[in-house]
């Protein structure tokens, strides 16, 4: 019985160490990756007095329009 508990403890310790090391490795890689932050797009909504806002373009939209307009 004691031999089985020793083996179970050794297995649990080795498995826990492997999971911890792999999680730390993956976490370090994903943290160091250069992910771009998502940009929030403005939503058009009417003003308090009922007049609508004018539509403005973001720099990304302006670049996309310029690229689409050139053959």
PDB file of N, CA and C in Angstrom:
ATOM      1  N   UNK A   1       0.824  -1.193   0.000  1.00  0.00           N
ATOM      2  CA  UNK A   1       0.000   0.000   0.000  1.00  0.00           C
ATOM      3  C   UNK A   1       0.870   1.261   0.000  1.00  0.00           C
ATOM      4  N   UNK A   2       1.906   1.243   0.816  1.00  0.00           N
ATOM      5  CA  UNK A   2       2.774   2.418   0.901  1.00  0.00           C
ATOM      6  C   UNK A   2       3.498   2.652  -0.424  1.00  0.00           C
ATOM      7  N   UNK A   3       3.889   1.576  -1.100  1.00  0.00           N
ATOM      8  CA  UNK A   3       4.586   1.704  -2.378  1.00  0.00           C
ATOM      9  C   UNK A   3       3.672   2.373  -3.416  1.00  0.00           C
ATOM     10  N   UNK A   4       2.398   2.026  -3.407  1.00  0.00           N
ATOM     11  CA  UNK A   4       1.449   2.638  -4.338  1.00  0.00           C
ATOM     12  C   UNK A   4       1.264   4.121  -4.069  1.00  0.00           C
ATOM     13  N   UNK A   5       1.209   4.499  -2.787  1.00  0.00           N
ATOM     14  CA  UNK A   5       1.072   5.914  -2.453  1.00  0.00           C
ATOM     15  C   UNK A   5       2.319   6.706  -2.832  1.00  0.00           C
ATOM     16  N   UNK A   6       3.488   6.092  -2.677  1.00  0.00           N
ATOM     17  CA  UNK A   6       4.731   6.758  -3.067  1.00  0.00           C
ATOM     18  C   UNK A   6       4.740   6.979  -4.575  1.00  0.00           C
ATOM     19  N   UNK A   7       4.322   5.964  -5.326  1.00  0.00           N
ATOM     20  CA  UNK A   7       4.274   6.107  -6.785  1.00  0.00           C
ATOM     21  C   UNK A   7       3.243   7.161  -7.207  1.00  0.00           C
ATOM     22  N   UNK A   8       2.092   7.157  -6.540  1.00  0.00           N
ATOM     23  CA  UNK A   8       1.069   8.153  -6.841  1.00  0.00           C
ATOM     24  C   UNK A   8       1.583   9.562  -6.528  1.00  0.00           C
ATOM     25  N   UNK A   9       2.272   9.721  -5.420  1.00  0.00           N
ATOM     26  CA  UNK A   9       2.830  11.025  -5.060  1.00  0.00           C
ATOM     27  C   UNK A   9       3.894  11.478  -6.051  1.00  0.00           C
ATOM     28  N   UNK A  10       4.755  10.541  -6.474  1.00  0.00           N
ATOM     29  CA  UNK A  10       5.794  10.881  -7.447  1.00  0.00           C
ATOM     30  C   UNK A  10       5.164  11.273  -8.784  1.00  0.00           C
ATOM     31  N   UNK A  11       4.125  10.517  -9.191  1.00  0.00           N
ATOM     32  CA  UNK A  11       3.444  10.833 -10.448  1.00  0.00           C
ATOM     33  C   UNK A  11       2.772  12.206 -10.360  1.00  0.00           C
ATOM     34  N   UNK A  12       2.106  12.476  -9.248  1.00  0.00           N
ATOM     35  CA  UNK A  12       1.420  13.755  -9.083  1.00  0.00           C
ATOM     36  C   UNK A  12       2.419  14.912  -9.081  1.00  0.00           C
ATOM     37  N   UNK A  13       3.549  14.736  -8.418  1.00  0.00           N
ATOM     38  CA  UNK A  13       4.562  15.792  -8.381  1.00  0.00           C
ATOM     39  C   UNK A  13       5.149  16.035  -9.770  1.00  0.00           C
ATOM     40  N   UNK A  14       5.461  14.957 -10.496  1.00  0.00           N
ATOM     41  CA  UNK A  14       6.027  15.104 -11.838  1.00  0.00           C
ATOM     42  C   UNK A  14       5.015  15.736 -12.793  1.00  0.00           C
ATOM     43  N   UNK A  15       3.759  15.323 -12.693  1.00  0.00           N
ATOM     44  CA  UNK A  15       2.725  15.884 -13.562  1.00  0.00           C
ATOM     45  C   UNK A  15       2.496  17.358 -13.239  1.00  0.00           C
ATOM     46  N   UNK A  16       2.443  17.688 -11.969  1.00  0.00           N
ATOM     47  CA  UNK A  16       2.272  19.087 -11.573  1.00  0.00           C
ATOM     48  C   UNK A  16       3.426  19.955 -12.044  1.00  0.00           C
ATOM     49  N   UNK A  17       4.649  19.444 -11.933  1.00  0.00           N
ATOM     50  CA  UNK A  17       5.816  20.202 -12.387  1.00  0.00           C
ATOM     51  C   UNK A  17       5.782  20.397 -13.900  1.00  0.00           C
ATOM     52  N   UNK A  18       5.398  19.349 -14.642  1.00  0.00           N
ATOM     53  CA  UNK A  18       5.333  19.459 -16.100  1.00  0.00           C
ATOM     54  C   UNK A  18       4.269  20.467 -16.531  1.00  0.00           C
ATOM     55  N   UNK A  19       3.115  20.421 -15.893  1.00  0.00           N
ATOM     56  CA  UNK A  19       2.042  21.363 -16.232  1.00  0.00           C
ATOM     57  C   UNK A  19       2.468  22.786 -15.897  1.00  0.00           C
ATOM     58  N   UNK A  20       3.084  22.985 -14.752  1.00  0.00           N
ATOM     59  CA  UNK A  20       3.512  24.330 -14.352  1.00  0.00           C
ATOM     60  C   UNK A  20       4.568  24.880 -15.309  1.00  0.00           C
ATOM     61  N   UNK A  21       5.549  24.063 -15.666  1.00  0.00           N
ATOM     62  CA  UNK A  21       6.596  24.527 -16.573  1.00  0.00           C
ATOM     63  C   UNK A  21       6.044  24.821 -17.960  1.00  0.00           C
ATOM     64  N   UNK A  22       5.164  23.969 -18.461  1.00  0.00           N
ATOM     65  CA  UNK A  22       4.609  24.219 -19.790  1.00  0.00           C
ATOM     66  C   UNK A  22       3.721  25.458 -19.778  1.00  0.00           C
ATOM     67  N   UNK A  23       2.947  25.664 -18.704  1.00  0.00           N
ATOM     68  CA  UNK A  23       2.098  26.852 -18.631  1.00  0.00           C
ATOM     69  C   UNK A  23       2.951  28.111 -18.582  1.00  0.00           C
ATOM     70  N   UNK A  24       4.011  28.074 -17.791  1.00  0.00           N
ATOM     71  CA  UNK A  24       4.885  29.244 -17.707  1.00  0.00           C
ATOM     72  C   UNK A  24       5.552  29.530 -19.049  1.00  0.00           C
ATOM     73  N   UNK A  25       5.953  28.468 -19.754  1.00  0.00           N
ATOM     74  CA  UNK A  25       6.575  28.653 -21.066  1.00  0.00           C
ATOM     75  C   UNK A  25       5.613  29.241 -22.075  1.00  0.00           C
ATOM     76  N   UNK A  26       4.405  28.698 -22.135  1.00  0.00           N
ATOM     77  CA  UNK A  26       3.405  29.206 -23.077  1.00  0.00           C
ATOM     78  C   UNK A  26       3.010  30.627 -22.701  1.00  0.00           C
ATOM     79  N   UNK A  27       2.856  30.888 -21.429  1.00  0.00           N
ATOM     80  CA  UNK A  27       2.478  32.228 -20.967  1.00  0.00           C
ATOM     81  C   UNK A  27       3.554  33.245 -21.358  1.00  0.00           C
ATOM     82  N   UNK A  28       4.813  32.877 -21.207  1.00  0.00           N
ATOM     83  CA  UNK A  28       5.897  33.794 -21.553  1.00  0.00           C
ATOM     84  C   UNK A  28       5.913  34.084 -23.049  1.00  0.00           C
ATOM     85  N   UNK A  29       5.655  33.072 -23.865  1.00  0.00           N
ATOM     86  CA  UNK A  29       5.647  33.273 -25.317  1.00  0.00           C
ATOM     87  C   UNK A  29       4.481  34.162 -25.724  1.00  0.00           C
ATOM     88  N   UNK A  30       3.301  33.892 -25.186  1.00  0.00           N
ATOM     89  CA  UNK A  30       2.130  34.684 -25.562  1.00  0.00           C
ATOM     90  C   UNK A  30       2.219  36.111 -25.038  1.00  0.00           C
ATOM     91  N   UNK A  31       2.830  36.305 -23.888  1.00  0.00           N
ATOM     92  CA  UNK A  31       2.992  37.650 -23.345  1.00  0.00           C
ATOM     93  C   UNK A  31       3.967  38.454 -24.195  1.00  0.00           C
ATOM     94  N   UNK A  32       5.013  37.811 -24.681  1.00  0.00           N
ATOM     95  CA  UNK A  32       6.010  38.498 -25.486  1.00  0.00           C
ATOM     96  C   UNK A  32       5.605  38.694 -26.933  1.00  0.00           C
ATOM     97  N   UNK A  33       4.531  38.054 -27.375  1.00  0.00           N
ATOM     98  CA  UNK A  33       4.094  38.193 -28.760  1.00  0.00           C
ATOM     99  C   UNK A  33       3.558  39.605 -28.990  1.00  0.00           C
ATOM    100  N   UNK A  34       3.727  40.074 -30.191  1.00  0.00           N
ATOM    101  CA  UNK A  34       3.299  41.437 -30.519  1.00  0.00           C
ATOM    102  C   UNK A  34       1.877  41.412 -31.060  1.00  0.00           C
ATOM    103  N   UNK A  35       0.909  41.357 -30.176  1.00  0.00           N
ATOM    104  CA  UNK A  35      -0.482  41.418 -30.587  1.00  0.00           C
ATOM    105  C   UNK A  35      -0.914  42.875 -30.622  1.00  0.00           C
ATOM    106  N   UNK A  36      -1.621  43.239 -31.682  1.00  0.00           N
ATOM    107  CA  UNK A  36      -2.138  44.597 -31.758  1.00  0.00           C
ATOM    108  C   UNK A  36      -3.411  44.689 -30.937  1.00  0.00           C
ATOM    109  N   UNK A  37      -3.548  45.781 -30.232  1.00  0.00           N
ATOM    110  CA  UNK A  37      -4.762  46.007 -29.467  1.00  0.00           C
ATOM    111  C   UNK A  37      -5.902  46.292 -30.433  1.00  0.00           C
ATOM    112  N   UNK A  38      -7.069  45.737 -30.198  1.00  0.00           N
ATOM    113  CA  UNK A  38      -8.193  46.032 -31.086  1.00  0.00           C
ATOM    114  C   UNK A  38      -8.623  47.491 -30.950  1.00  0.00           C
ATOM    115  N   UNK A  39      -9.009  48.063 -32.067  1.00  0.00           N
ATOM    116  CA  UNK A  39      -9.446  49.453 -32.038  1.00  0.00           C
ATOM    117  C   UNK A  39     -10.965  49.503 -31.942  1.00  0.00           C
ATOM    118  N   UNK A  40     -11.453  50.393 -31.145  1.00  0.00           N
ATOM    119  CA  UNK A  40     -12.895  50.556 -30.993  1.00  0.00           C
ATOM    120  C   UNK A  40     -13.399  51.505 -32.074  1.00  0.00           C
ATOM    121  N   UNK A  41     -14.423  51.085 -32.770  1.00  0.00           N
ATOM    122  CA  UNK A  41     -15.007  51.925 -33.799  1.00  0.00           C
ATOM    123  C   UNK A  41     -16.125  52.761 -33.196  1.00  0.00           C
ATOM    124  N   UNK A  42     -16.187  54.032 -33.546  1.00  0.00           N
ATOM    125  CA  UNK A  42     -17.259  54.863 -33.000  1.00  0.00           C
ATOM    126  C   UNK A  42     -18.600  54.474 -33.612  1.00  0.00           C
ATOM    127  N   UNK A  43     -19.614  54.410 -32.790  1.00  0.00           N
ATOM    128  CA  UNK A  43     -20.956  54.101 -33.258  1.00  0.00           C
ATOM    129  C   UNK A  43     -21.736  55.393 -33.436  1.00  0.00           C
ATOM    130  N   UNK A  44     -22.382  55.550 -34.585  1.00  0.00           N
ATOM    131  CA  UNK A  44     -23.176  56.766 -34.771  1.00  0.00           C
ATOM    132  C   UNK A  44     -24.428  56.723 -33.906  1.00  0.00           C
ATOM    133  N   UNK A  45     -24.718  57.822 -33.260  1.00  0.00           N
ATOM    134  CA  UNK A  45     -25.931  57.924 -32.456  1.00  0.00           C
ATOM    135  C   UNK A  45     -26.399  59.371 -32.498  1.00  0.00           C
ATOM    136  N   UNK A  46     -27.693  59.588 -32.364  1.00  0.00           N
ATOM    137  CA  UNK A  46     -28.192  60.962 -32.433  1.00  0.00           C
ATOM    138  C   UNK A  46     -27.769  61.762 -31.206  1.00  0.00           C
ATOM    139  N   UNK A  47     -27.627  63.054 -31.408  1.00  0.00           N
ATOM    140  CA  UNK A  47     -27.305  63.948 -30.297  1.00  0.00           C
ATOM    141  C   UNK A  47     -28.534  64.104 -29.412  1.00  0.00           C
ATOM    142  N   UNK A  48     -28.373  64.764 -28.286  1.00  0.00           N
ATOM    143  CA  UNK A  48     -29.478  64.950 -27.348  1.00  0.00           C
ATOM    144  C   UNK A  48     -30.594  65.798 -27.951  1.00  0.00           C
ATOM    145  N   UNK A  49     -30.219  66.730 -28.851  1.00  0.00           N
ATOM    146  CA  UNK A  49     -31.256  67.581 -29.443  1.00  0.00           C
ATOM    147  C   UNK A  49     -31.905  66.953 -30.674  1.00  0.00           C
ATOM    148  N   UNK A  50     -31.514  65.748 -31.037  1.00  0.00           N
ATOM    149  CA  UNK A  50     -32.150  65.028 -32.134  1.00  0.00           C
ATOM    150  C   UNK A  50     -31.421  65.116 -33.454  1.00  0.00           C
ATOM    151  N   UNK A  51     -30.399  65.990 -33.570  1.00  0.00           N
ATOM    152  CA  UNK A  51     -29.662  66.076 -34.826  1.00  0.00           C
ATOM    153  C   UNK A  51     -28.594  64.994 -34.851  1.00  0.00           C
ATOM    154  N   UNK A  52     -28.427  64.334 -35.994  1.00  0.00           N
ATOM    155  CA  UNK A  52     -27.439  63.246 -36.048  1.00  0.00           C
ATOM    156  C   UNK A  52     -26.016  63.794 -36.115  1.00  0.00           C
ATOM    157  N   UNK A  53     -25.088  62.980 -35.664  1.00  0.00           N
ATOM    158  CA  UNK A  53     -23.678  63.323 -35.773  1.00  0.00           C
ATOM    159  C   UNK A  53     -23.250  63.200 -37.224  1.00  0.00           C
ATOM    160  N   UNK A  54     -22.208  63.938 -37.588  1.00  0.00           N
ATOM    161  CA  UNK A  54     -21.638  63.772 -38.915  1.00  0.00           C
ATOM    162  C   UNK A  54     -20.726  62.562 -38.891  1.00  0.00           C
ATOM    163  N   UNK A  55     -20.662  61.876 -40.002  1.00  0.00           N
ATOM    164  CA  UNK A  55     -19.853  60.665 -40.086  1.00  0.00           C
ATOM    165  C   UNK A  55     -18.399  61.067 -40.271  1.00  0.00           C
ATOM    166  N   UNK A  56     -17.533  60.538 -39.437  1.00  0.00           N
ATOM    167  CA  UNK A  56     -16.103  60.777 -39.561  1.00  0.00           C
ATOM    168  C   UNK A  56     -15.426  59.451 -39.839  1.00  0.00           C
ATOM    169  N   UNK A  57     -14.305  59.511 -40.522  1.00  0.00           N
ATOM    170  CA  UNK A  57     -13.572  58.289 -40.817  1.00  0.00           C
ATOM    171  C   UNK A  57     -12.344  58.215 -39.936  1.00  0.00           C
ATOM    172  N   UNK A  58     -11.993  57.005 -39.576  1.00  0.00           N
ATOM    173  CA  UNK A  58     -10.776  56.785 -38.811  1.00  0.00           C
ATOM    174  C   UNK A  58      -9.609  56.728 -39.782  1.00  0.00           C
ATOM    175  N   UNK A  59      -8.379  56.861 -39.321  1.00  0.00           N
ATOM    176  CA  UNK A  59      -7.230  56.760 -40.223  1.00  0.00           C
ATOM    177  C   UNK A  59      -7.188  55.420 -40.960  1.00  0.00           C
ATOM    178  N   UNK A  60      -7.595  54.341 -40.299  1.00  0.00           N
ATOM    179  CA  UNK A  60      -7.607  53.035 -40.955  1.00  0.00           C
ATOM    180  C   UNK A  60      -8.611  53.021 -42.097  1.00  0.00           C
ATOM    181  N   UNK A  61      -9.774  53.616 -41.884  1.00  0.00           N
ATOM    182  CA  UNK A  61     -10.787  53.659 -42.933  1.00  0.00           C
ATOM    183  C   UNK A  61     -10.314  54.532 -44.090  1.00  0.00           C
ATOM    184  N   UNK A  62      -9.639  55.622 -43.790  1.00  0.00           N
ATOM    185  CA  UNK A  62      -9.143  56.505 -44.842  1.00  0.00           C
ATOM    186  C   UNK A  62      -8.107  55.787 -45.692  1.00  0.00           C
ATOM    187  N   UNK A  63      -7.206  55.040 -45.053  1.00  0.00           N
ATOM    188  CA  UNK A  63      -6.201  54.283 -45.796  1.00  0.00           C
ATOM    189  C   UNK A  63      -6.850  53.214 -46.660  1.00  0.00           C
ATOM    190  N   UNK A  64      -7.855  52.531 -46.126  1.00  0.00           N
ATOM    191  CA  UNK A  64      -8.537  51.488 -46.888  1.00  0.00           C
ATOM    192  C   UNK A  64      -9.248  52.087 -48.089  1.00  0.00           C
ATOM    193  N   UNK A  65      -9.833  53.262 -47.928  1.00  0.00           N
ATOM    194  CA  UNK A  65     -10.517  53.928 -49.036  1.00  0.00           C
ATOM    195  C   UNK A  65      -9.509  54.354 -50.094  1.00  0.00           C
ATOM    196  N   UNK A  66      -8.362  54.861 -49.663  1.00  0.00           N
ATOM    197  CA  UNK A  66      -7.329  55.269 -50.616  1.00  0.00           C
ATOM    198  C   UNK A  66      -6.824  54.072 -51.404  1.00  0.00           C
ATOM    199  N   UNK A  67      -6.591  52.951 -50.735  1.00  0.00           N
ATOM    200  CA  UNK A  67      -6.105  51.748 -51.413  1.00  0.00           C
ATOM    201  C   UNK A  67      -7.151  51.203 -52.374  1.00  0.00           C
ATOM    202  N   UNK A  68      -8.409  51.237 -51.977  1.00  0.00           N
ATOM    203  CA  UNK A  68      -9.469  50.703 -52.824  1.00  0.00           C
ATOM    204  C   UNK A  68      -9.679  51.585 -54.049  1.00  0.00           C
ATOM    205  N   UNK A  69      -9.424  52.869 -53.924  1.00  0.00           N
ATOM    206  CA  UNK A  69      -9.645  53.789 -55.031  1.00  0.00           C
ATOM    207  C   UNK A  69      -8.574  53.725 -56.100  1.00  0.00           C
ATOM    208  N   UNK A  70      -7.383  53.229 -55.790  1.00  0.00           N
ATOM    209  CA  UNK A  70      -6.309  53.160 -56.779  1.00  0.00           C
ATOM    210  C   UNK A  70      -6.318  51.801 -57.446  1.00  0.00           C
ATOM    211  N   UNK A  71      -6.230  51.767 -58.791  1.00  0.00           N
ATOM    212  CA  UNK A  71      -6.250  50.463 -59.497  1.00  0.00           C
ATOM    213  C   UNK A  71      -4.969  49.705 -59.376  1.00  0.00           C
TER     214      UNK A  71
END
